[in-house]
N, C-alpha and C. Protein backbone atom coordinates (compact mmCIF):
# COMPACT_ATOMS: atom_id res chain seq x y z
N MET A 1 107.66 288.08 106.39
CA MET A 1 106.87 287.24 108.05
C MET A 1 107.38 286.71 108.89
N SER A 2 107.06 286.97 109.56
CA SER A 2 107.65 286.05 110.65
C SER A 2 107.22 285.36 111.48
N PHE A 3 107.37 283.46 111.75
CA PHE A 3 106.52 282.77 112.67
C PHE A 3 106.77 282.30 113.77
N THR A 4 106.26 282.46 115.01
CA THR A 4 106.91 281.94 116.07
C THR A 4 106.23 280.36 117.07
N LEU A 5 107.10 279.79 117.26
CA LEU A 5 106.74 278.49 117.21
C LEU A 5 107.71 278.08 118.51
N THR A 6 106.84 277.62 119.99
CA THR A 6 107.04 277.50 121.07
C THR A 6 108.26 276.42 121.08
N ASP A 7 108.91 276.04 121.85
CA ASP A 7 109.81 275.01 122.36
C ASP A 7 108.86 273.53 122.43
N GLN A 8 107.31 273.54 122.77
CA GLN A 8 106.52 272.73 123.01
C GLN A 8 106.01 272.19 121.18
N ASP A 9 105.92 273.31 120.35
CA ASP A 9 105.75 273.06 119.31
C ASP A 9 106.76 272.84 118.61
N LYS A 10 107.79 273.18 118.62
CA LYS A 10 109.22 271.75 117.82
C LYS A 10 109.32 270.89 117.97
N THR A 11 108.63 270.57 119.42
CA THR A 11 108.91 268.69 120.03
C THR A 11 108.05 268.12 119.21
N THR A 12 106.69 268.96 119.32
CA THR A 12 105.40 267.95 118.29
C THR A 12 106.20 268.23 117.20
N LEU A 13 106.70 269.00 116.49
CA LEU A 13 107.07 268.21 114.79
C LEU A 13 108.01 267.32 114.80
N ARG A 14 109.07 267.53 115.28
CA ARG A 14 109.96 266.75 115.53
C ARG A 14 109.57 265.77 115.95
N THR A 15 108.69 265.31 116.91
CA THR A 15 108.03 264.07 116.90
C THR A 15 107.29 263.05 116.30
N ALA A 16 106.51 264.18 115.52
CA ALA A 16 106.11 263.80 114.40
C ALA A 16 106.43 263.41 113.29
N ALA A 17 107.39 263.95 113.00
CA ALA A 17 108.09 263.79 111.58
C ALA A 17 108.93 262.33 112.08
N TYR A 18 109.78 262.26 112.76
CA TYR A 18 111.01 261.28 112.88
C TYR A 18 109.99 260.25 113.70
N GLY A 19 109.02 260.20 114.32
CA GLY A 19 107.74 259.70 114.97
C GLY A 19 107.58 258.44 113.51
N ALA A 20 106.86 259.39 112.51
CA ALA A 20 106.70 258.84 111.40
C ALA A 20 107.05 257.68 110.85
N VAL A 21 108.71 258.46 110.92
CA VAL A 21 109.69 257.33 110.53
C VAL A 21 110.22 255.94 111.03
N SER A 22 109.73 256.39 112.48
CA SER A 22 110.21 254.71 113.22
C SER A 22 108.78 254.39 112.84
N LEU A 23 107.37 254.87 112.86
CA LEU A 23 106.00 253.70 113.07
C LEU A 23 106.31 253.23 111.61
N LEU A 24 107.27 254.02 110.18
CA LEU A 24 107.04 253.06 109.28
C LEU A 24 108.66 251.70 109.48
N ALA A 25 109.48 251.77 110.26
CA ALA A 25 110.68 251.24 110.57
C ALA A 25 109.76 249.88 111.30
N ALA A 26 109.38 250.15 112.19
CA ALA A 26 108.73 248.91 113.29
C ALA A 26 107.53 248.18 112.45
N ALA A 27 107.00 248.38 111.35
CA ALA A 27 106.00 247.90 110.37
C ALA A 27 107.02 247.25 109.45
N ASP A 28 108.07 247.22 109.50
CA ASP A 28 108.95 246.25 107.99
C ASP A 28 109.10 245.00 108.67
N ALA A 29 108.48 244.16 107.99
CA ALA A 29 109.08 242.72 108.38
C ALA A 29 110.17 242.60 107.49
N THR A 30 111.04 242.83 106.87
CA THR A 30 112.33 242.49 106.18
C THR A 30 113.63 242.58 107.31
N GLY A 31 113.33 243.18 108.34
CA GLY A 31 114.49 242.64 109.62
C GLY A 31 115.68 243.71 109.17
N LYS A 32 114.69 245.13 108.33
CA LYS A 32 116.26 245.91 108.02
C LYS A 32 115.12 247.14 108.61
N PRO A 33 115.22 247.08 109.58
CA PRO A 33 114.47 248.46 109.68
C PRO A 33 115.21 249.68 109.93
N HIS A 34 116.47 249.72 110.31
CA HIS A 34 117.79 250.72 110.05
C HIS A 34 117.44 251.09 108.73
N LYS A 35 117.73 250.47 107.81
CA LYS A 35 118.02 250.68 106.49
C LYS A 35 116.10 251.95 106.09
N ILE A 36 114.94 251.88 107.01
CA ILE A 36 114.02 252.57 106.41
C ILE A 36 114.28 253.78 107.37
N ALA A 37 115.03 253.55 108.36
CA ALA A 37 115.27 254.83 109.28
C ALA A 37 116.10 255.71 108.84
N THR A 38 117.18 255.05 108.10
CA THR A 38 118.15 255.75 107.77
C THR A 38 118.00 256.61 106.16
N ASN A 39 116.83 255.78 105.28
CA ASN A 39 116.66 256.75 104.15
C ASN A 39 115.33 257.59 104.32
N GLY A 40 114.73 257.26 105.47
CA GLY A 40 113.67 258.09 105.81
C GLY A 40 114.22 259.59 106.43
N THR A 41 115.15 259.58 107.72
CA THR A 41 116.46 260.71 108.25
C THR A 41 116.44 261.61 107.18
N ILE A 42 117.55 260.97 106.30
CA ILE A 42 118.18 261.62 104.90
C ILE A 42 116.95 262.48 104.48
N ALA A 43 115.37 261.84 104.43
CA ALA A 43 114.86 263.20 103.23
C ALA A 43 114.55 264.04 104.34
N LEU A 44 114.22 263.59 105.95
CA LEU A 44 113.72 264.75 107.07
C LEU A 44 114.50 265.76 106.99
N SER A 45 116.13 265.25 106.74
CA SER A 45 117.02 266.30 107.27
C SER A 45 117.12 267.38 105.79
N SER A 46 116.44 266.98 104.71
CA SER A 46 116.90 267.80 103.69
C SER A 46 115.46 268.83 103.59
N ALA A 47 114.80 268.52 104.26
CA ALA A 47 113.27 269.87 104.60
C ALA A 47 114.36 270.95 104.62
N THR A 48 113.30 272.25 104.22
CA THR A 48 113.66 273.49 103.55
C THR A 48 112.43 274.51 104.20
N GLY A 49 112.58 275.41 104.70
CA GLY A 49 111.70 276.92 105.25
C GLY A 49 111.56 276.29 107.00
N LEU A 50 110.91 276.86 107.06
CA LEU A 50 110.18 276.93 108.97
C LEU A 50 110.43 275.53 109.28
N VAL A 51 109.76 274.65 108.82
CA VAL A 51 110.08 272.99 108.96
C VAL A 51 111.66 272.34 108.93
N GLY A 52 112.29 272.96 107.95
CA GLY A 52 113.55 272.63 108.02
C GLY A 52 114.43 272.93 108.91
N HIS A 53 113.79 274.43 109.54
CA HIS A 53 114.86 274.95 110.46
C HIS A 53 114.93 273.93 111.77
N VAL A 54 113.19 273.92 111.93
CA VAL A 54 112.99 273.21 113.06
C VAL A 54 113.25 271.93 113.53
N LEU A 55 113.45 270.77 112.59
CA LEU A 55 113.74 269.44 112.04
C LEU A 55 115.16 269.19 111.96
N ALA A 56 116.33 270.50 111.51
CA ALA A 56 117.87 270.50 111.88
C ALA A 56 117.54 270.68 113.18
N GLU A 57 117.38 271.09 114.14
CA GLU A 57 117.29 271.46 115.18
C GLU A 57 117.91 269.99 116.45
N LYS A 58 118.67 269.99 117.04
CA LYS A 58 119.12 269.29 118.19
C LYS A 58 117.63 268.56 118.25
N SER A 59 117.42 267.24 117.85
CA SER A 59 116.47 266.51 118.37
C SER A 59 116.72 265.99 119.72
N GLY A 60 116.81 266.10 120.86
CA GLY A 60 117.24 265.53 121.81
C GLY A 60 115.75 265.77 122.65
N SER A 61 114.78 266.23 122.51
CA SER A 61 113.62 266.42 123.06
C SER A 61 112.44 265.28 122.63
N ILE A 62 112.75 264.90 121.59
CA ILE A 62 112.14 263.55 121.42
C ILE A 62 111.83 261.94 122.45
N LYS A 63 110.89 261.91 122.59
CA LYS A 63 110.78 261.55 123.62
C LYS A 63 109.98 259.87 122.94
N LEU A 64 110.05 259.32 121.81
CA LEU A 64 109.24 258.46 121.67
C LEU A 64 109.47 257.03 122.11
N ASN A 65 108.34 256.26 123.14
CA ASN A 65 108.61 255.50 124.01
C ASN A 65 107.26 254.36 124.01
N GLY A 66 107.41 253.28 123.98
CA GLY A 66 106.83 252.28 123.37
C GLY A 66 107.18 250.78 123.47
N LYS A 67 106.24 249.84 123.82
CA LYS A 67 106.77 248.50 123.82
C LYS A 67 106.63 248.09 122.21
N SER A 68 105.58 248.59 122.15
CA SER A 68 104.47 247.90 120.97
C SER A 68 104.68 249.16 119.66
N VAL A 69 104.40 249.19 118.51
CA VAL A 69 103.89 249.73 117.73
C VAL A 69 102.53 250.48 118.12
N ALA A 70 101.45 249.66 118.66
CA ALA A 70 100.46 250.34 119.29
C ALA A 70 100.45 251.87 119.96
N GLU A 71 101.66 251.22 120.95
CA GLU A 71 101.87 252.44 121.78
C GLU A 71 102.70 253.75 121.37
N LEU A 72 103.69 252.99 120.47
CA LEU A 72 104.38 254.18 119.41
C LEU A 72 103.28 255.00 118.42
N ALA A 73 102.31 254.45 117.76
CA ALA A 73 101.21 255.24 117.29
C ALA A 73 100.64 256.18 117.91
N ASP A 74 100.09 255.36 119.49
CA ASP A 74 99.51 256.28 120.34
C ASP A 74 99.78 257.81 120.57
N GLN A 75 101.19 257.74 120.55
CA GLN A 75 102.12 259.35 120.41
C GLN A 75 102.05 259.67 118.79
N VAL A 76 102.19 259.13 117.75
CA VAL A 76 102.95 259.60 116.43
C VAL A 76 101.93 259.99 115.94
N LEU A 77 100.88 259.47 115.84
CA LEU A 77 99.74 260.02 114.77
C LEU A 77 99.04 260.93 115.33
N PRO A 78 98.88 261.38 116.87
CA PRO A 78 98.00 262.59 117.10
C PRO A 78 99.06 263.57 116.56
N ALA A 79 100.41 263.26 117.27
CA ALA A 79 101.62 264.50 116.75
C ALA A 79 101.20 264.70 115.80
N LEU A 80 100.67 263.89 114.40
CA LEU A 80 100.71 264.45 113.20
C LEU A 80 99.45 265.28 112.75
N THR A 81 98.92 265.06 113.30
CA THR A 81 97.43 266.03 113.06
C THR A 81 97.81 267.18 114.06
N ALA A 82 98.68 267.14 115.00
CA ALA A 82 98.63 268.63 115.87
C ALA A 82 99.48 269.07 114.88
N ALA A 83 100.79 268.49 114.23
CA ALA A 83 101.81 269.45 113.92
C ALA A 83 101.36 270.32 112.86
N VAL A 84 100.27 269.37 111.52
CA VAL A 84 99.91 270.14 110.95
C VAL A 84 98.91 271.30 111.01
N SER A 85 97.89 271.19 112.18
CA SER A 85 96.92 272.01 112.88
C SER A 85 97.79 273.22 113.18
N LEU A 86 99.08 272.97 113.98
CA LEU A 86 99.48 274.52 114.78
C LEU A 86 100.16 275.02 113.28
N LEU A 87 100.65 274.42 112.49
CA LEU A 87 101.27 275.00 112.01
C LEU A 87 100.33 275.66 110.64
N ALA A 88 99.34 275.25 110.38
CA ALA A 88 98.09 275.92 109.62
C ALA A 88 97.62 276.76 110.14
N LYS A 89 97.86 276.78 111.13
CA LYS A 89 96.59 278.18 112.01
C LYS A 89 98.05 279.28 112.09
N GLN A 90 98.92 279.62 111.47
CA GLN A 90 99.89 280.64 111.29
C GLN A 90 100.70 280.92 109.92
N THR A 91 100.77 279.60 109.40
CA THR A 91 100.82 279.84 107.72
C THR A 91 101.07 278.83 107.25
N PRO A 92 99.53 278.62 106.37
CA PRO A 92 98.97 277.14 105.59
C PRO A 92 100.78 276.48 104.48
N ALA A 93 101.39 277.48 104.46
CA ALA A 93 102.63 276.91 103.40
C ALA A 93 103.18 276.34 103.79
N GLU A 94 103.70 276.32 105.66
CA GLU A 94 104.35 275.85 106.33
C GLU A 94 103.95 274.11 106.50
N ALA A 95 102.39 274.56 106.69
CA ALA A 95 101.63 272.99 107.06
C ALA A 95 101.57 271.86 105.72
N ASP A 96 101.70 272.88 104.65
CA ASP A 96 101.78 271.76 103.50
C ASP A 96 103.40 271.33 103.43
N ASN A 97 104.29 272.50 103.57
CA ASN A 97 105.21 272.04 103.56
C ASN A 97 105.71 270.78 104.45
N PHE A 98 105.34 270.78 105.52
CA PHE A 98 105.31 269.98 106.62
C PHE A 98 104.46 268.39 106.25
N ARG A 99 103.33 268.32 105.66
CA ARG A 99 102.99 267.45 105.26
C ARG A 99 103.63 266.97 104.05
N SER A 100 104.74 267.22 103.05
CA SER A 100 105.07 266.82 102.06
C SER A 100 106.51 266.44 101.96
N THR A 101 107.08 267.12 103.30
CA THR A 101 108.03 266.23 103.76
C THR A 101 108.02 265.07 104.68
N VAL A 102 106.79 264.56 105.45
CA VAL A 102 106.87 263.54 105.85
C VAL A 102 106.61 262.50 104.96
N LEU A 103 105.62 262.79 103.84
CA LEU A 103 105.19 261.95 103.09
C LEU A 103 106.47 261.82 102.20
N LEU A 104 107.49 262.88 102.25
CA LEU A 104 108.62 262.35 100.77
C LEU A 104 109.24 261.44 101.86
N ALA A 105 109.30 261.65 103.18
CA ALA A 105 110.32 260.74 104.19
C ALA A 105 109.73 259.37 104.09
N ILE A 106 108.30 259.39 104.22
CA ILE A 106 107.51 257.86 104.43
C ILE A 106 108.12 256.92 102.90
N GLU A 107 108.38 258.13 102.20
CA GLU A 107 108.45 257.16 100.54
C GLU A 107 110.03 256.97 100.64
N ALA A 108 110.45 258.05 101.00
CA ALA A 108 111.71 257.03 100.62
C ALA A 108 112.63 256.18 101.65
N ALA A 109 111.94 256.24 103.04
CA ALA A 109 112.19 254.85 103.85
C ALA A 109 111.80 253.71 102.98
N GLN A 110 111.09 253.36 102.22
CA GLN A 110 110.28 252.69 101.53
C GLN A 110 111.30 252.26 100.54
N ILE A 111 112.16 252.79 99.79
CA ILE A 111 113.06 253.35 99.11
C ILE A 111 113.70 251.50 98.25
N HIS A 112 114.02 250.89 99.49
CA HIS A 112 114.83 249.64 99.27
C HIS A 112 113.15 248.57 99.03
N HIS A 113 111.98 248.44 98.86
CA HIS A 113 111.72 247.65 98.60
C HIS A 113 110.82 247.84 97.52
N SER A 114 110.94 246.50 96.66
CA SER A 114 110.05 247.04 95.39
C SER A 114 108.90 246.91 94.94
N GLN A 115 108.00 246.43 96.49
CA GLN A 115 106.59 246.54 96.47
C GLN A 115 106.64 246.40 98.53
N PRO A 116 105.82 247.62 98.85
CA PRO A 116 105.93 247.49 100.40
C PRO A 116 104.72 246.93 100.72
N SER A 117 105.34 245.77 101.78
CA SER A 117 104.44 244.91 102.86
C SER A 117 102.99 245.60 102.79
N PRO A 118 101.97 244.67 103.34
CA PRO A 118 100.74 245.21 103.30
C PRO A 118 101.21 245.78 104.71
N THR A 119 101.62 245.49 105.64
CA THR A 119 101.49 245.82 106.94
C THR A 119 102.30 247.55 106.31
N MET A 120 103.18 247.57 106.11
CA MET A 120 104.15 249.25 105.67
C MET A 120 103.16 249.52 104.64
N ALA A 121 101.83 249.11 103.79
CA ALA A 121 101.08 250.11 103.25
C ALA A 121 100.04 250.84 104.16
N GLU A 122 99.40 249.25 105.21
CA GLU A 122 98.75 250.41 106.09
C GLU A 122 99.01 251.54 106.97
N MET A 123 100.35 250.97 107.41
CA MET A 123 100.97 252.14 108.16
C MET A 123 100.93 253.36 107.34
N VAL A 124 101.29 253.32 106.28
CA VAL A 124 101.65 254.52 105.59
C VAL A 124 99.97 255.20 105.21
N ARG A 125 99.12 254.30 105.28
CA ARG A 125 97.65 254.79 104.73
C ARG A 125 97.08 255.39 106.44
N LYS A 126 98.05 254.94 107.77
CA LYS A 126 97.39 255.49 108.84
C LYS A 126 97.92 256.69 109.00
N ILE A 127 99.52 257.07 109.15
CA ILE A 127 100.43 258.39 108.59
C ILE A 127 99.66 259.44 107.84
N THR A 128 99.48 258.50 106.83
CA THR A 128 98.75 259.96 106.08
C THR A 128 97.55 260.60 106.23
N GLY A 129 96.87 259.38 106.66
CA GLY A 129 95.08 260.12 107.53
C GLY A 129 95.49 260.82 108.31
N ALA A 130 96.30 260.28 109.38
CA ALA A 130 96.45 261.23 110.49
C ALA A 130 97.09 263.10 110.16
N LEU A 131 98.11 263.25 108.87
CA LEU A 131 98.11 264.00 108.20
C LEU A 131 97.03 265.10 107.47
N ASP A 132 95.96 264.50 107.07
CA ASP A 132 94.60 264.89 106.61
C ASP A 132 93.65 264.98 107.56
N ALA A 133 93.99 264.54 108.91
CA ALA A 133 92.88 265.10 110.07
C ALA A 133 92.92 266.34 110.42
N ALA A 134 93.77 266.79 110.10
CA ALA A 134 93.74 268.26 110.70
C ALA A 134 92.77 268.96 110.33
């Protein structure tokens, strides 16, 4: 069975996944957001299936703009919900794959923290809520 995603659909998936990692990096209070971004991106690059193929494509279409975490969240959280919804319409298994991939990325992003800060924990809650809202 073949599934077709438009270029806009692919951009939404990439924006959602990489944006979730960016949100977590922005919420980091340790001053080392590059570690979060690196670990999260490595986890995203390990995705398989349709999601893995989309995330592996050149990501120049991702436009994460914002001067604050709030502005970034305004783009990313709806994209997370939209990504799960559009995948669920075509193949529920890929929707589950996307959700698992993003959750793995945010878990991997926090690996250098013995315990996440309250700020990071709240951001994880918001990301998970957006994934579950579909």
